[in-house]
Amino acid sequence: MSEKATKARKRGLKTWSAFGNLGRRPTEYEILTHNMNHTTGEVPLEMGPDVHGNVWLREHRDSMPLNNVDWDAFRDPDAMIYGTYVASQDDQETYVEYLLEQFDSEGYDEGLNEEQLSLLRTAITPTRYVAHSQQMLSAYVQQLAVSSYVANCAAFQTADQLRRVQLLAYRTTQLKLAHPDRGFATGEKADWTENPQWQPIREAFEWALVKFDWDRAFVVTNLVVKPIADQLFLAQASRQLSACGARLDSLIAENLLNDSERSVRWTTALVKHLTEADPANLEVLQGHLNDWVDRGDEMLRAGAALLATPSGRKSDAIEADVRSTWHGMLESVGLRAQ
C-alpha cells in the first residue's frame, strides 16, 4: 500500500465516529444507548409521510417549542442499561420476596388490626390504579422521546411501574384471602371511580393521559403527577404504615421508593440539560407547569386526607411535607410552583 493510501486510511472514519469528536472511548452505557431511536429520520416510521403515526410524530413531538437541544448529549445520571437494570431490580425483588415469605410465615395478614386494615384498604390497595396510570404515561413519554438516551430512562421508569402494579396486585390478593369481608380486590375500582376522596387524583391522571405533546407530557408526568403521587403513596404511606404497625407494607413502599428516586434523578438532569441548551426552554417548561399547579395541589390535599390515621400523622402535616418535597424538586432546576 502506498504512503498516500496509508495516510488516507488513517484519516478515515474510526469505529466510534458516530459520537463525533468524543476524545475518548465511549462507555458501555453510551455504546448500548447511542442513536437507537428509529423514529427520527426524514420519514420516521419508514412509511408514507401522511400515515397517521408520522403525522402524530410531526404534530406532537417534532413541532414542540424546545429549541437548540442536542438530545443525544443527554446522559442518564445512573447510566442505566438493560443489564444493570435487571441486576438491580433482581436484587430488589429478592429482598421483597424475602419480606413476603418472612411475614407470611408469621401470620402477618391475619394479625392486622382495624386501623391497619382501614389504611391499607382506603389508601394503599387502590393505588394499583395510580401505578397503572403512571405506567401508561411513562410508556408514552418513552414512545415519543427524541433521543434513545431519554427513551431508555422512560422505558425503565415504565418497567418500574409494572413492578409496582405486580406487587400491589399480589398484596391485594393476600389481603383478600386473609380478610374476605373487607372488599380487598373487589372494592377498589368503585373507590377509584366514585369515592370523592379519590376523584382529584383520578382526574389528574386521566387529564394527564390526554396531554399528547411530548414536552407537555413530560412535564405533567415527571414533574407533577408522578412525583406527587410517589411522595404520597410511597414515602408518606411508608411512614404512616410504620406508625400504625403495618411493617411489611411499610417496607415494601420504602423499597418501591428507590425506583421513584431514580426517576427524579434523570428527570431533573434532563430539565437542566434543556435549560443549558437554551434558557428559553425553561420558560416553555414553566408555562406547562403553570397549567398544572392547581391540579397538583388538589391531588396533594386529597392524598394527604386519605393517608391520615389516628396513630400516624394528620393530613396537614402530610400535605406540608409532600408540598415541600415537590417544590424543592422543582426549585432545584429553576422551576416554581406558582
Protein backbone atom coordinates (compact mmCIF):
# COMPACT_ATOMS: atom_id res chain seq x y z
CA MET A 1 0.00 0.00 0.00
CA SER A 2 1.37 3.42 -0.96
CA GLU A 3 2.28 6.01 1.65
CA LYS A 4 -0.51 8.24 0.34
CA ALA A 5 -3.10 5.47 0.67
CA THR A 6 -1.90 4.66 4.19
CA LYS A 7 -2.33 8.27 5.33
CA ALA A 8 -5.78 8.44 3.74
CA ARG A 9 -6.77 5.29 5.57
CA LYS A 10 -5.61 6.72 8.89
CA ARG A 11 -7.72 9.80 8.28
CA GLY A 12 -10.80 7.66 7.59
CA LEU A 13 -13.72 7.11 9.92
CA LYS A 14 -12.95 5.39 13.19
CA THR A 15 -15.01 2.77 14.99
CA TRP A 16 -16.70 5.32 17.26
CA SER A 17 -17.22 8.04 14.67
CA ALA A 18 -20.97 8.12 15.42
CA PHE A 19 -20.08 10.01 18.60
CA GLY A 20 -18.21 12.75 16.77
CA ASN A 21 -15.01 14.09 18.27
CA LEU A 22 -15.56 12.46 21.66
CA GLY A 23 -11.86 12.39 22.54
CA ARG A 24 -12.20 9.08 24.41
CA ARG A 25 -13.58 5.60 24.07
CA PRO A 26 -17.33 5.69 24.77
CA THR A 27 -18.58 3.92 27.85
CA GLU A 28 -20.58 0.71 27.71
CA TYR A 29 -23.66 2.76 28.59
CA GLU A 30 -23.06 5.08 25.62
CA ILE A 31 -22.32 2.25 23.20
CA LEU A 32 -25.56 0.47 24.08
CA THR A 33 -27.72 3.61 24.14
CA HIS A 34 -26.46 5.97 21.45
CA ASN A 35 -28.60 6.71 18.39
CA MET A 36 -31.01 3.80 18.83
CA ASN A 37 -34.14 5.81 18.04
CA HIS A 38 -35.56 4.73 14.68
CA THR A 39 -38.28 7.40 14.57
CA THR A 40 -36.14 10.49 13.94
CA GLY A 41 -35.50 10.12 10.22
CA GLU A 42 -36.97 12.25 7.46
CA VAL A 43 -39.90 9.81 7.32
CA PRO A 44 -39.78 8.44 10.87
CA LEU A 45 -41.78 5.22 10.56
CA GLU A 46 -40.49 4.39 7.04
CA MET A 47 -43.96 4.73 5.65
CA GLY A 48 -45.71 7.48 3.76
CA PRO A 49 -45.48 10.96 5.29
CA ASP A 50 -49.27 11.09 5.64
CA VAL A 51 -49.51 7.84 7.61
CA HIS A 52 -51.15 8.58 10.95
CA GLY A 53 -48.07 7.66 13.00
CA ASN A 54 -45.85 10.07 11.07
CA VAL A 55 -48.44 12.84 11.28
CA TRP A 56 -48.65 12.25 15.04
CA LEU A 57 -44.89 12.49 15.49
CA ARG A 58 -44.68 15.70 13.46
CA GLU A 59 -47.51 17.30 15.39
CA HIS A 60 -46.80 16.15 18.93
CA ARG A 61 -43.02 15.74 19.01
CA ASP A 62 -41.22 17.42 16.15
CA SER A 63 -43.18 20.68 16.48
CA MET A 64 -42.59 21.20 20.21
CA PRO A 65 -41.07 24.57 21.16
CA LEU A 66 -37.89 23.27 22.84
CA ASN A 67 -35.01 24.80 20.90
CA ASN A 68 -31.30 24.19 20.30
CA VAL A 69 -31.28 20.87 22.15
CA ASP A 70 -28.67 18.23 21.39
CA TRP A 71 -30.81 15.37 22.62
CA ASP A 72 -28.05 12.79 22.14
CA ALA A 73 -25.80 14.75 24.52
CA PHE A 74 -28.09 13.98 27.46
CA ARG A 75 -26.87 11.31 29.87
CA ASP A 76 -28.78 9.36 32.49
CA PRO A 77 -27.09 10.08 35.87
CA ASP A 78 -27.42 6.38 36.69
CA ALA A 79 -26.08 5.30 33.26
CA MET A 80 -28.72 2.57 33.29
CA ILE A 81 -28.66 -0.14 30.63
CA TYR A 82 -30.75 -3.29 30.40
CA GLY A 83 -28.18 -5.47 32.16
CA THR A 84 -27.67 -3.15 35.12
CA TYR A 85 -31.41 -2.53 35.39
CA VAL A 86 -32.21 -6.24 35.50
CA ALA A 87 -29.47 -6.90 38.06
CA SER A 88 -30.61 -4.03 40.26
CA GLN A 89 -34.27 -5.00 40.14
CA ASP A 90 -33.43 -8.65 40.72
CA ASP A 91 -31.76 -7.65 43.98
CA GLN A 92 -34.77 -5.55 44.96
CA GLU A 93 -37.22 -8.33 44.13
CA THR A 94 -35.16 -10.85 46.09
CA TYR A 95 -35.43 -8.56 49.10
CA VAL A 96 -39.20 -8.14 48.70
CA GLU A 97 -39.73 -11.87 48.20
CA TYR A 98 -37.84 -12.48 51.45
CA LEU A 99 -40.10 -9.97 53.23
CA LEU A 100 -43.25 -11.59 51.88
CA GLU A 101 -42.10 -15.07 52.87
CA GLN A 102 -40.94 -13.99 56.33
CA PHE A 103 -44.07 -12.03 57.25
CA ASP A 104 -46.38 -14.69 55.78
CA SER A 105 -44.75 -17.31 58.00
CA GLU A 106 -45.51 -15.09 60.99
CA GLY A 107 -49.22 -14.74 60.14
CA TYR A 108 -48.85 -11.03 59.49
CA ASP A 109 -52.04 -10.51 57.46
CA GLU A 110 -54.23 -12.42 59.88
CA GLY A 111 -52.95 -10.27 62.75
CA LEU A 112 -53.69 -6.88 61.19
CA ASN A 113 -55.90 -4.65 63.36
CA GLU A 114 -58.73 -2.31 62.35
CA GLU A 115 -56.57 0.78 61.86
CA GLN A 116 -54.04 -1.10 59.74
CA LEU A 117 -56.72 -2.73 57.59
CA SER A 118 -58.53 0.57 57.12
CA LEU A 119 -55.39 2.34 55.90
CA LEU A 120 -54.47 -0.50 53.55
CA ARG A 121 -57.98 -0.72 52.10
CA THR A 122 -58.57 3.04 51.85
CA ALA A 123 -55.23 4.36 50.65
CA ILE A 124 -52.92 1.53 49.55
CA THR A 125 -54.60 -1.21 47.53
CA PRO A 126 -56.48 1.31 45.32
CA THR A 127 -53.10 2.69 44.22
CA ARG A 128 -52.72 -0.07 41.67
CA TYR A 129 -54.80 2.29 39.51
CA VAL A 130 -52.28 5.04 40.24
CA ALA A 131 -49.37 2.78 39.32
CA HIS A 132 -51.02 1.57 36.12
CA SER A 133 -51.79 5.16 35.09
CA GLN A 134 -48.14 6.05 35.70
CA GLN A 135 -47.11 3.06 33.62
CA MET A 136 -49.14 4.28 30.63
CA LEU A 137 -47.87 7.84 31.00
CA SER A 138 -44.24 6.73 31.20
CA ALA A 139 -44.68 4.49 28.16
CA TYR A 140 -45.97 7.45 26.14
CA VAL A 141 -43.02 9.62 27.19
CA GLN A 142 -40.75 6.78 26.07
CA GLN A 143 -42.51 6.19 22.76
CA LEU A 144 -42.29 9.81 21.59
CA ALA A 145 -38.85 10.66 23.02
CA VAL A 146 -36.49 12.25 20.51
CA SER A 147 -33.36 10.50 21.77
CA SER A 148 -32.74 6.95 22.90
CA TYR A 149 -30.91 8.39 25.92
CA VAL A 150 -34.22 9.86 27.09
CA ALA A 151 -36.34 7.00 25.80
CA ASN A 152 -34.38 4.41 27.78
CA CYS A 153 -34.86 6.36 31.01
CA ALA A 154 -38.59 6.44 30.39
CA ALA A 155 -38.62 2.75 29.43
CA PHE A 156 -37.03 1.75 32.73
CA GLN A 157 -39.48 4.05 34.52
CA THR A 158 -42.31 2.20 32.76
CA ALA A 159 -40.88 -1.11 33.93
CA ASP A 160 -40.69 0.27 37.47
CA GLN A 161 -44.41 0.96 37.35
CA LEU A 162 -45.14 -2.55 36.08
CA ARG A 163 -43.20 -3.92 39.04
CA ARG A 164 -45.27 -1.76 41.37
CA VAL A 165 -48.56 -2.91 39.81
CA GLN A 166 -47.50 -6.52 40.25
CA LEU A 167 -46.56 -6.09 43.91
CA LEU A 168 -49.76 -4.21 44.69
CA ALA A 169 -51.85 -6.88 42.98
CA TYR A 170 -50.03 -9.60 44.93
CA ARG A 171 -50.53 -7.87 48.27
CA THR A 172 -54.18 -7.14 47.46
CA THR A 173 -54.81 -10.82 46.79
CA GLN A 174 -53.08 -11.83 50.03
CA LEU A 175 -55.22 -9.38 51.98
CA LYS A 176 -58.38 -10.60 50.25
CA LEU A 177 -57.62 -14.17 51.26
CA ALA A 178 -56.96 -13.17 54.87
CA HIS A 179 -59.88 -10.72 55.15
CA PRO A 180 -62.52 -11.65 52.52
CA ASP A 181 -65.15 -9.35 54.04
CA ARG A 182 -63.12 -6.10 53.69
CA GLY A 183 -63.50 -5.52 49.97
CA PHE A 184 -59.88 -6.13 49.02
CA ALA A 185 -59.60 -6.77 45.25
CA THR A 186 -63.33 -6.11 44.77
CA GLY A 187 -63.93 -2.59 46.07
CA GLU A 188 -61.01 -0.56 44.78
CA LYS A 189 -62.49 0.15 41.35
CA ALA A 190 -65.53 1.81 42.95
CA ASP A 191 -63.20 3.86 45.15
CA TRP A 192 -61.18 4.97 42.14
CA THR A 193 -64.20 5.96 40.06
CA GLU A 194 -66.72 7.12 42.68
CA ASN A 195 -65.18 7.87 46.08
CA PRO A 196 -64.99 11.69 46.40
CA GLN A 197 -61.65 11.45 48.21
CA TRP A 198 -60.05 9.76 45.21
CA GLN A 199 -61.53 11.90 42.44
CA PRO A 200 -58.91 14.72 42.35
CA ILE A 201 -56.23 12.05 41.92
CA ARG A 202 -58.12 10.06 39.30
CA GLU A 203 -58.98 13.21 37.36
CA ALA A 204 -55.37 14.37 37.37
CA PHE A 205 -54.18 11.11 35.86
CA GLU A 206 -56.95 10.98 33.29
CA TRP A 207 -56.24 14.53 32.15
CA ALA A 208 -52.53 13.72 32.07
CA LEU A 209 -53.23 10.82 29.72
CA VAL A 210 -54.58 13.18 27.06
CA LYS A 211 -51.58 15.51 27.04
CA PHE A 212 -50.14 14.42 23.72
CA ASP A 213 -47.38 16.97 23.01
CA TRP A 214 -44.16 15.39 24.25
CA ASP A 215 -42.93 18.41 26.22
CA ARG A 216 -46.29 18.74 27.98
CA ALA A 217 -46.49 15.01 28.63
CA PHE A 218 -43.01 15.03 30.16
CA VAL A 219 -43.81 17.97 32.46
CA VAL A 220 -47.18 16.62 33.55
CA THR A 221 -45.90 13.09 34.11
CA ASN A 222 -42.43 13.58 35.59
CA LEU A 223 -42.77 16.98 37.22
CA VAL A 224 -46.32 16.84 38.57
CA VAL A 225 -48.44 13.70 38.87
CA LYS A 226 -45.69 11.11 39.36
CA PRO A 227 -43.55 12.94 41.97
CA ILE A 228 -46.65 13.97 43.95
CA ALA A 229 -48.21 10.51 43.84
CA ASP A 230 -44.91 8.82 44.74
CA GLN A 231 -44.36 11.11 47.69
CA LEU A 232 -47.89 10.43 48.89
CA PHE A 233 -48.30 6.72 48.27
CA LEU A 234 -44.71 5.57 48.75
CA ALA A 235 -42.79 7.97 51.02
CA GLN A 236 -45.64 9.18 53.23
CA ALA A 237 -47.51 5.88 53.02
CA SER A 238 -44.43 4.04 54.29
CA ARG A 239 -44.26 6.42 57.24
CA GLN A 240 -47.97 6.07 58.05
CA LEU A 241 -47.92 2.29 57.73
CA SER A 242 -44.93 2.08 60.03
CA ALA A 243 -46.62 4.33 62.60
CA CYS A 244 -49.63 2.05 62.87
CA GLY A 245 -47.57 -1.14 62.88
CA ALA A 246 -48.17 -2.39 59.31
CA ARG A 247 -44.47 -3.08 58.94
CA LEU A 248 -44.46 -5.35 55.86
CA ASP A 249 -46.34 -2.87 53.72
CA SER A 250 -44.22 -0.02 55.05
CA LEU A 251 -41.05 -1.82 53.97
CA ILE A 252 -42.48 -2.62 50.52
CA ALA A 253 -43.41 1.04 49.96
CA GLU A 254 -39.94 2.08 51.12
CA ASN A 255 -38.37 -0.34 48.65
CA LEU A 256 -40.50 0.92 45.75
CA LEU A 257 -39.43 4.45 46.59
CA ASN A 258 -35.95 3.57 45.30
CA ASP A 259 -37.41 3.41 41.78
CA SER A 260 -39.07 6.79 42.26
CA GLU A 261 -35.83 8.41 43.39
CA ARG A 262 -34.08 7.19 40.22
CA SER A 263 -36.86 8.81 38.20
CA VAL A 264 -36.30 12.12 39.97
CA ARG A 265 -32.58 11.96 39.19
CA TRP A 266 -32.96 11.57 35.43
CA THR A 267 -35.88 13.99 35.29
CA THR A 268 -34.00 16.83 36.97
CA ALA A 269 -30.90 16.06 34.89
CA LEU A 270 -32.94 16.35 31.69
CA VAL A 271 -34.51 19.67 32.73
CA LYS A 272 -31.02 21.04 33.44
CA HIS A 273 -29.83 19.77 30.06
CA LEU A 274 -32.71 21.51 28.27
CA THR A 275 -32.12 24.74 30.16
CA GLU A 276 -28.39 24.76 29.46
CA ALA A 277 -29.13 24.25 25.76
CA ASP A 278 -31.34 27.35 25.68
CA PRO A 279 -32.58 29.32 28.72
CA ALA A 280 -35.84 29.96 26.85
CA ASN A 281 -36.63 26.26 27.20
CA LEU A 282 -37.11 26.76 30.93
CA GLU A 283 -39.91 29.20 30.25
CA VAL A 284 -41.58 26.66 27.97
CA LEU A 285 -41.50 24.08 30.75
CA GLN A 286 -42.63 26.65 33.30
CA GLY A 287 -45.62 27.50 31.13
CA HIS A 288 -46.70 23.87 31.01
CA LEU A 289 -46.16 23.56 34.76
CA ASN A 290 -48.27 26.65 35.46
CA ASP A 291 -51.23 24.93 33.83
CA TRP A 292 -50.95 22.05 36.30
CA VAL A 293 -50.00 23.56 39.66
CA ASP A 294 -53.61 23.83 40.85
CA ARG A 295 -54.37 20.24 39.84
CA GLY A 296 -51.20 19.10 41.60
CA ASP A 297 -52.28 20.88 44.77
CA GLU A 298 -55.70 19.18 44.58
CA MET A 299 -54.00 15.80 44.24
CA LEU A 300 -51.79 16.60 47.18
CA ARG A 301 -54.63 17.58 49.51
CA ALA A 302 -56.76 14.58 48.58
CA GLY A 303 -53.92 12.11 49.06
CA ALA A 304 -52.94 13.58 52.42
CA ALA A 305 -56.51 13.19 53.65
CA LEU A 306 -56.60 9.55 52.51
CA LEU A 307 -53.38 8.75 54.39
CA ALA A 308 -54.21 10.40 57.73
CA THR A 309 -54.50 7.92 60.62
CA PRO A 310 -55.19 8.08 64.36
CA SER A 311 -51.75 6.79 65.35
CA GLY A 312 -49.85 8.45 62.50
CA ARG A 313 -49.65 11.96 61.13
CA LYS A 314 -52.60 14.17 60.34
CA SER A 315 -53.41 15.35 56.83
CA ASP A 316 -51.99 18.87 57.23
CA ALA A 317 -48.56 17.53 58.22
CA ILE A 318 -48.54 15.06 55.32
CA GLU A 319 -49.61 17.77 52.91
CA ALA A 320 -46.91 20.15 54.10
CA ASP A 321 -44.19 17.51 53.72
CA VAL A 322 -45.22 16.48 50.21
CA ARG A 323 -45.57 20.08 49.06
CA SER A 324 -42.13 20.92 50.43
CA THR A 325 -40.53 17.96 48.65
CA TRP A 326 -42.32 18.68 45.37
CA HIS A 327 -41.49 22.37 45.41
CA GLY A 328 -37.90 21.58 46.35
CA MET A 329 -37.51 19.30 43.34
CA LEU A 330 -38.90 21.99 41.03
CA GLU A 331 -36.77 24.75 42.53
CA SER A 332 -33.62 22.63 42.14
CA VAL A 333 -33.98 23.02 38.36
CA GLY A 334 -35.16 26.62 38.30
CA LEU A 335 -38.90 25.95 38.15
CA ARG A 336 -41.53 27.21 40.56
CA ALA A 337 -45.00 26.07 41.61
CA GLN A 338 -46.80 29.39 41.38
